[in-house]
Amino acid sequence: FKLTTKSEHREFYQKLIENPQTNTLS
C-alpha cells in the first residue's frame, strides 16, 4: 500500500515541475 497523487490532478503536477520558479536545483 502506497500514498500516491491522484492522476486526475496530473496537469497541475506537471505545471509545478515545469514552472521555472520551482525548477531550480538544490
PDB file of all heavy atoms in Angstrom:
ATOM      1  N   PHE A   1       0.859  -1.177   0.000  1.00  0.00           N
ATOM      2  CA  PHE A   1       0.000   0.000   0.000  1.00  0.00           C
ATOM      3  C   PHE A   1       0.895   1.227   0.000  1.00  0.00           C
ATOM      4  O   PHE A   1       1.842   1.309   0.783  1.00  0.00           O
ATOM      5  CB  PHE A   1      -0.913   0.005   1.233  1.00  0.00           C
ATOM      6  CG  PHE A   1      -1.916  -1.102   1.211  1.00  0.00           C
ATOM      7  CD1 PHE A   1      -1.670  -2.290   1.884  1.00  0.00           C
ATOM      8  CD2 PHE A   1      -3.107  -0.962   0.507  1.00  0.00           C
ATOM      9  CE1 PHE A   1      -2.595  -3.319   1.863  1.00  0.00           C
ATOM     10  CE2 PHE A   1      -4.035  -1.989   0.477  1.00  0.00           C
ATOM     11  CZ  PHE A   1      -3.782  -3.180   1.160  1.00  0.00           C
ATOM     12  N   LYS A   2       0.592   2.185  -0.888  1.00  0.00           N
ATOM     13  CA  LYS A   2       1.410   3.385  -1.028  1.00  0.00           C
ATOM     14  C   LYS A   2       0.532   4.623  -1.135  1.00  0.00           C
ATOM     15  O   LYS A   2      -0.562   4.570  -1.693  1.00  0.00           O
ATOM     16  CB  LYS A   2       2.264   3.316  -2.309  1.00  0.00           C
ATOM     17  CG  LYS A   2       3.195   2.140  -2.361  1.00  0.00           C
ATOM     18  CD  LYS A   2       3.961   2.103  -3.664  1.00  0.00           C
ATOM     19  CE  LYS A   2       4.833   0.859  -3.702  1.00  0.00           C
ATOM     20  NZ  LYS A   2       5.682   0.832  -4.870  1.00  0.00           N
ATOM     21  N   LEU A   3       1.033   5.732  -0.595  1.00  0.00           N
ATOM     22  CA  LEU A   3       0.388   7.019  -0.830  1.00  0.00           C
ATOM     23  C   LEU A   3       0.813   7.491  -2.214  1.00  0.00           C
ATOM     24  O   LEU A   3       2.006   7.505  -2.533  1.00  0.00           O
ATOM     25  CB  LEU A   3       0.841   8.053   0.205  1.00  0.00           C
ATOM     26  CG  LEU A   3       0.299   7.897   1.618  1.00  0.00           C
ATOM     27  CD1 LEU A   3       0.912   8.960   2.532  1.00  0.00           C
ATOM     28  CD2 LEU A   3      -1.217   8.009   1.641  1.00  0.00           C
ATOM     29  N   THR A   4      -0.140   7.859  -3.041  1.00  0.00           N
ATOM     30  CA  THR A   4       0.159   8.366  -4.384  1.00  0.00           C
ATOM     31  C   THR A   4      -0.699   9.595  -4.656  1.00  0.00           C
ATOM     32  O   THR A   4      -1.715   9.817  -3.994  1.00  0.00           O
ATOM     33  CB  THR A   4      -0.150   7.306  -5.468  1.00  0.00           C
ATOM     34  OG1 THR A   4      -1.545   7.010  -5.448  1.00  0.00           O
ATOM     35  CG2 THR A   4       0.669   6.036  -5.268  1.00  0.00           C
ATOM     36  N   THR A   5      -0.278  10.383  -5.630  1.00  0.00           N
ATOM     37  CA  THR A   5      -1.088  11.521  -6.039  1.00  0.00           C
ATOM     38  C   THR A   5      -2.210  11.024  -6.937  1.00  0.00           C
ATOM     39  O   THR A   5      -2.140   9.937  -7.502  1.00  0.00           O
ATOM     40  CB  THR A   5      -0.234  12.556  -6.805  1.00  0.00           C
ATOM     41  OG1 THR A   5       0.398  11.902  -7.906  1.00  0.00           O
ATOM     42  CG2 THR A   5       0.809  13.178  -5.902  1.00  0.00           C
ATOM     43  N   LYS A   6      -3.230  11.830  -7.067  1.00  0.00           N
ATOM     44  CA  LYS A   6      -4.364  11.454  -7.904  1.00  0.00           C
ATOM     45  C   LYS A   6      -4.061  11.790  -9.358  1.00  0.00           C
ATOM     46  O   LYS A   6      -3.654  12.910  -9.682  1.00  0.00           O
ATOM     47  CB  LYS A   6      -5.635  12.170  -7.430  1.00  0.00           C
ATOM     48  CG  LYS A   6      -6.100  11.678  -6.076  1.00  0.00           C
ATOM     49  CD  LYS A   6      -7.439  12.260  -5.705  1.00  0.00           C
ATOM     50  CE  LYS A   6      -7.951  11.615  -4.423  1.00  0.00           C
ATOM     51  NZ  LYS A   6      -9.258  12.132  -4.046  1.00  0.00           N
ATOM     52  N   SER A   7      -4.275  10.821 -10.229  1.00  0.00           N
ATOM     53  CA  SER A   7      -3.967  11.006 -11.647  1.00  0.00           C
ATOM     54  C   SER A   7      -4.812  12.105 -12.280  1.00  0.00           C
ATOM     55  O   SER A   7      -4.372  12.755 -13.225  1.00  0.00           O
ATOM     56  CB  SER A   7      -4.142   9.693 -12.412  1.00  0.00           C
ATOM     57  OG  SER A   7      -5.459   9.213 -12.269  1.00  0.00           O
ATOM     58  N   GLU A   8      -5.999  12.356 -11.744  1.00  0.00           N
ATOM     59  CA  GLU A   8      -6.848  13.402 -12.319  1.00  0.00           C
ATOM     60  C   GLU A   8      -6.291  14.811 -12.073  1.00  0.00           C
ATOM     61  O   GLU A   8      -6.751  15.778 -12.660  1.00  0.00           O
ATOM     62  CB  GLU A   8      -8.296  13.296 -11.827  1.00  0.00           C
ATOM     63  CG  GLU A   8      -8.471  13.293 -10.333  1.00  0.00           C
ATOM     64  CD  GLU A   8      -8.526  11.902  -9.717  1.00  0.00           C
ATOM     65  OE1 GLU A   8      -7.920  10.966 -10.259  1.00  0.00           O
ATOM     66  OE2 GLU A   8      -9.172  11.762  -8.669  1.00  0.00           O
ATOM     67  N   HIS A   9      -5.275  14.929 -11.227  1.00  0.00           N
ATOM     68  CA  HIS A   9      -4.625  16.222 -10.964  1.00  0.00           C
ATOM     69  C   HIS A   9      -3.288  16.353 -11.689  1.00  0.00           C
ATOM     70  O   HIS A   9      -2.539  17.288 -11.452  1.00  0.00           O
ATOM     71  CB  HIS A   9      -4.400  16.413  -9.460  1.00  0.00           C
ATOM     72  CG  HIS A   9      -5.655  16.334  -8.652  1.00  0.00           C
ATOM     73  ND1 HIS A   9      -5.655  16.014  -7.320  1.00  0.00           N
ATOM     74  CD2 HIS A   9      -6.954  16.530  -8.991  1.00  0.00           C
ATOM     75  CE1 HIS A   9      -6.895  16.013  -6.862  1.00  0.00           C
ATOM     76  NE2 HIS A   9      -7.704  16.314  -7.854  1.00  0.00           N
ATOM     77  N   ARG A  10      -2.996  15.407 -12.565  1.00  0.00           N
ATOM     78  CA  ARG A  10      -1.705  15.321 -13.250  1.00  0.00           C
ATOM     79  C   ARG A  10      -1.280  16.637 -13.905  1.00  0.00           C
ATOM     80  O   ARG A  10      -0.129  17.037 -13.815  1.00  0.00           O
ATOM     81  CB  ARG A  10      -1.741  14.210 -14.279  1.00  0.00           C
ATOM     82  CG  ARG A  10      -0.441  14.079 -15.064  1.00  0.00           C
ATOM     83  CD  ARG A  10      -0.458  12.939 -16.051  1.00  0.00           C
ATOM     84  NE  ARG A  10      -0.478  11.701 -15.284  1.00  0.00           N
ATOM     85  CZ  ARG A  10      -1.237  10.660 -15.583  1.00  0.00           C
ATOM     86  NH1 ARG A  10      -2.030  10.690 -16.613  1.00  0.00           N
ATOM     87  NH2 ARG A  10      -1.210   9.578 -14.847  1.00  0.00           N
ATOM     88  N   GLU A  11      -2.204  17.323 -14.579  1.00  0.00           N
ATOM     89  CA  GLU A  11      -1.838  18.550 -15.295  1.00  0.00           C
ATOM     90  C   GLU A  11      -1.273  19.614 -14.347  1.00  0.00           C
ATOM     91  O   GLU A  11      -0.365  20.354 -14.716  1.00  0.00           O
ATOM     92  CB  GLU A  11      -3.025  19.112 -16.076  1.00  0.00           C
ATOM     93  CG  GLU A  11      -4.124  19.678 -15.199  1.00  0.00           C
ATOM     94  CD  GLU A  11      -5.285  20.243 -15.973  1.00  0.00           C
ATOM     95  OE1 GLU A  11      -5.202  21.412 -16.403  1.00  0.00           O
ATOM     96  OE2 GLU A  11      -6.275  19.495 -16.128  1.00  0.00           O
ATOM     97  N   PHE A  12      -1.761  19.665 -13.128  1.00  0.00           N
ATOM     98  CA  PHE A  12      -1.258  20.639 -12.156  1.00  0.00           C
ATOM     99  C   PHE A  12       0.126  20.252 -11.657  1.00  0.00           C
ATOM    100  O   PHE A  12       0.997  21.098 -11.464  1.00  0.00           O
ATOM    101  CB  PHE A  12      -2.226  20.785 -10.982  1.00  0.00           C
ATOM    102  CG  PHE A  12      -3.589  21.253 -11.421  1.00  0.00           C
ATOM    103  CD1 PHE A  12      -4.644  20.361 -11.501  1.00  0.00           C
ATOM    104  CD2 PHE A  12      -3.799  22.578 -11.777  1.00  0.00           C
ATOM    105  CE1 PHE A  12      -5.897  20.790 -11.911  1.00  0.00           C
ATOM    106  CE2 PHE A  12      -5.046  23.025 -12.187  1.00  0.00           C
ATOM    107  CZ  PHE A  12      -6.096  22.126 -12.261  1.00  0.00           C
ATOM    108  N   TYR A  13       0.349  18.951 -11.449  1.00  0.00           N
ATOM    109  CA  TYR A  13       1.668  18.489 -11.020  1.00  0.00           C
ATOM    110  C   TYR A  13       2.699  18.760 -12.113  1.00  0.00           C
ATOM    111  O   TYR A  13       3.832  19.142 -11.836  1.00  0.00           O
ATOM    112  CB  TYR A  13       1.641  16.994 -10.678  1.00  0.00           C
ATOM    113  CG  TYR A  13       0.586  16.604  -9.676  1.00  0.00           C
ATOM    114  CD1 TYR A  13      -0.132  15.424  -9.810  1.00  0.00           C
ATOM    115  CD2 TYR A  13       0.281  17.418  -8.590  1.00  0.00           C
ATOM    116  CE1 TYR A  13      -1.110  15.065  -8.893  1.00  0.00           C
ATOM    117  CE2 TYR A  13      -0.694  17.067  -7.668  1.00  0.00           C
ATOM    118  CZ  TYR A  13      -1.378  15.891  -7.831  1.00  0.00           C
ATOM    119  OH  TYR A  13      -2.350  15.530  -6.933  1.00  0.00           O
ATOM    120  N   GLN A  14       2.287  18.561 -13.362  1.00  0.00           N
ATOM    121  CA  GLN A  14       3.185  18.806 -14.492  1.00  0.00           C
ATOM    122  C   GLN A  14       3.568  20.286 -14.561  1.00  0.00           C
ATOM    123  O   GLN A  14       4.719  20.621 -14.782  1.00  0.00           O
ATOM    124  CB  GLN A  14       2.510  18.363 -15.801  1.00  0.00           C
ATOM    125  CG  GLN A  14       3.455  18.268 -16.963  1.00  0.00           C
ATOM    126  CD  GLN A  14       4.501  17.201 -16.772  1.00  0.00           C
ATOM    127  OE1 GLN A  14       4.246  16.140 -16.210  1.00  0.00           O
ATOM    128  NE2 GLN A  14       5.702  17.467 -17.213  1.00  0.00           N
ATOM    129  N   LYS A  15       2.595  21.179 -14.352  1.00  0.00           N
ATOM    130  CA  LYS A  15       2.886  22.612 -14.338  1.00  0.00           C
ATOM    131  C   LYS A  15       3.873  22.960 -13.239  1.00  0.00           C
ATOM    132  O   LYS A  15       4.765  23.786 -13.420  1.00  0.00           O
ATOM    133  CB  LYS A  15       1.598  23.425 -14.131  1.00  0.00           C
ATOM    134  CG  LYS A  15       0.712  23.514 -15.337  1.00  0.00           C
ATOM    135  CD  LYS A  15      -0.524  24.342 -14.988  1.00  0.00           C
ATOM    136  CE  LYS A  15      -1.549  24.328 -16.077  1.00  0.00           C
ATOM    137  NZ  LYS A  15      -2.759  25.077 -15.688  1.00  0.00           N
ATOM    138  N   LEU A  16       3.703  22.338 -12.085  1.00  0.00           N
ATOM    139  CA  LEU A  16       4.605  22.579 -10.962  1.00  0.00           C
ATOM    140  C   LEU A  16       6.030  22.179 -11.314  1.00  0.00           C
ATOM    141  O   LEU A  16       6.976  22.929 -11.057  1.00  0.00           O
ATOM    142  CB  LEU A  16       4.125  21.806  -9.731  1.00  0.00           C
ATOM    143  CG  LEU A  16       5.006  21.915  -8.493  1.00  0.00           C
ATOM    144  CD1 LEU A  16       4.979  23.342  -7.953  1.00  0.00           C
ATOM    145  CD2 LEU A  16       4.557  20.934  -7.439  1.00  0.00           C
ATOM    146  N   ILE A  17       6.187  21.020 -11.916  1.00  0.00           N
ATOM    147  CA  ILE A  17       7.518  20.536 -12.282  1.00  0.00           C
ATOM    148  C   ILE A  17       8.144  21.413 -13.355  1.00  0.00           C
ATOM    149  O   ILE A  17       9.340  21.695 -13.331  1.00  0.00           O
ATOM    150  CB  ILE A  17       7.438  19.064 -12.741  1.00  0.00           C
ATOM    151  CG1 ILE A  17       7.110  18.180 -11.544  1.00  0.00           C
ATOM    152  CG2 ILE A  17       8.741  18.615 -13.385  1.00  0.00           C
ATOM    153  CD1 ILE A  17       6.782  16.747 -11.911  1.00  0.00           C
ATOM    154  N   GLU A  18       7.334  21.863 -14.317  1.00  0.00           N
ATOM    155  CA  GLU A  18       7.857  22.648 -15.438  1.00  0.00           C
ATOM    156  C   GLU A  18       8.005  24.130 -15.122  1.00  0.00           C
ATOM    157  O   GLU A  18       8.640  24.856 -15.874  1.00  0.00           O
ATOM    158  CB  GLU A  18       6.942  22.465 -16.648  1.00  0.00           C
ATOM    159  CG  GLU A  18       6.976  21.047 -17.192  1.00  0.00           C
ATOM    160  CD  GLU A  18       5.933  20.811 -18.270  1.00  0.00           C
ATOM    161  OE1 GLU A  18       5.104  21.713 -18.524  1.00  0.00           O
ATOM    162  OE2 GLU A  18       5.945  19.717 -18.846  1.00  0.00           O
ATOM    163  N   ASN A  19       7.441  24.593 -14.015  1.00  0.00           N
ATOM    164  CA  ASN A  19       7.499  26.001 -13.633  1.00  0.00           C
ATOM    165  C   ASN A  19       8.950  26.416 -13.373  1.00  0.00           C
ATOM    166  O   ASN A  19       9.628  25.814 -12.548  1.00  0.00           O
ATOM    167  CB  ASN A  19       6.647  26.220 -12.376  1.00  0.00           C
ATOM    168  CG  ASN A  19       6.585  27.666 -11.956  1.00  0.00           C
ATOM    169  OD1 ASN A  19       7.382  28.500 -12.370  1.00  0.00           O
ATOM    170  ND2 ASN A  19       5.625  27.962 -11.110  1.00  0.00           N
ATOM    171  N   PRO A  20       9.451  27.460 -14.060  1.00  0.00           N
ATOM    172  CA  PRO A  20      10.833  27.895 -13.861  1.00  0.00           C
ATOM    173  C   PRO A  20      11.144  28.277 -12.412  1.00  0.00           C
ATOM    174  O   PRO A  20      12.261  28.103 -11.954  1.00  0.00           O
ATOM    175  CB  PRO A  20      10.968  29.112 -14.771  1.00  0.00           C
ATOM    176  CG  PRO A  20       9.863  29.009 -15.752  1.00  0.00           C
ATOM    177  CD  PRO A  20       8.770  28.246 -15.068  1.00  0.00           C
ATOM    178  N   GLN A  21      10.168  28.795 -11.683  1.00  0.00           N
ATOM    179  CA  GLN A  21      10.401  29.183 -10.289  1.00  0.00           C
ATOM    180  C   GLN A  21      10.649  27.973  -9.401  1.00  0.00           C
ATOM    181  O   GLN A  21      11.362  28.058  -8.415  1.00  0.00           O
ATOM    182  CB  GLN A  21       9.225  29.987  -9.750  1.00  0.00           C
ATOM    183  CG  GLN A  21       9.085  31.336 -10.406  1.00  0.00           C
ATOM    184  CD  GLN A  21       7.832  32.042  -9.932  1.00  0.00           C
ATOM    185  OE1 GLN A  21       6.856  31.422  -9.555  1.00  0.00           O
ATOM    186  NE2 GLN A  21       7.873  33.371  -9.970  1.00  0.00           N
ATOM    187  N   THR A  22      10.045  26.831  -9.732  1.00  0.00           N
ATOM    188  CA  THR A  22      10.257  25.631  -8.936  1.00  0.00           C
ATOM    189  C   THR A  22      11.248  24.692  -9.610  1.00  0.00           C
ATOM    190  O   THR A  22      11.475  23.594  -9.139  1.00  0.00           O
ATOM    191  CB  THR A  22       8.927  24.874  -8.716  1.00  0.00           C
ATOM    192  OG1 THR A  22       8.398  24.486  -9.983  1.00  0.00           O
ATOM    193  CG2 THR A  22       7.938  25.705  -7.957  1.00  0.00           C
ATOM    194  N   ASN A  23      11.826  25.123 -10.707  1.00  0.00           N
ATOM    195  CA  ASN A  23      12.719  24.271 -11.473  1.00  0.00           C
ATOM    196  C   ASN A  23      14.187  24.494 -11.117  1.00  0.00           C
ATOM    197  O   ASN A  23      15.063  24.059 -11.834  1.00  0.00           O
ATOM    198  CB  ASN A  23      12.492  24.482 -12.973  1.00  0.00           C
ATOM    199  CG  ASN A  23      12.741  23.218 -13.752  1.00  0.00           C
ATOM    200  OD1 ASN A  23      12.897  22.145 -13.197  1.00  0.00           O
ATOM    201  ND2 ASN A  23      12.806  23.355 -15.058  1.00  0.00           N
ATOM    202  N   THR A  24      14.460  25.202 -10.035  1.00  0.00           N
ATOM    203  CA  THR A  24      15.838  25.380  -9.617  1.00  0.00           C
ATOM    204  C   THR A  24      16.294  24.127  -8.876  1.00  0.00           C
ATOM    205  O   THR A  24      15.496  23.429  -8.265  1.00  0.00           O
ATOM    206  CB  THR A  24      15.986  26.611  -8.706  1.00  0.00           C
ATOM    207  OG1 THR A  24      15.128  26.434  -7.577  1.00  0.00           O
ATOM    208  CG2 THR A  24      15.617  27.891  -9.442  1.00  0.00           C
ATOM    209  N   LEU A  25      17.586  23.876  -8.943  1.00  0.00           N
ATOM    210  CA  LEU A  25      18.125  22.682  -8.316  1.00  0.00           C
ATOM    211  C   LEU A  25      18.853  23.034  -7.031  1.00  0.00           C
ATOM    212  O   LEU A  25      19.640  23.981  -6.994  1.00  0.00           O
ATOM    213  CB  LEU A  25      19.085  21.980  -9.277  1.00  0.00           C
ATOM    214  CG  LEU A  25      18.468  21.457 -10.574  1.00  0.00           C
ATOM    215  CD1 LEU A  25      19.545  20.929 -11.505  1.00  0.00           C
ATOM    216  CD2 LEU A  25      17.468  20.360 -10.263  1.00  0.00           C
ATOM    217  N   SER A  26      18.610  22.258  -6.001  1.00  0.00           N
ATOM    218  CA  SER A  26      19.288  22.453  -4.722  1.00  0.00           C
ATOM    219  C   SER A  26      20.740  22.001  -4.845  1.00  0.00           C
ATOM    220  O   SER A  26      21.128  21.321  -5.808  1.00  0.00           O
ATOM    221  CB  SER A  26      18.586  21.643  -3.632  1.00  0.00           C
ATOM    222  OG  SER A  26      18.756  20.261  -3.888  1.00  0.00           O
TER     223      SER A  26
END
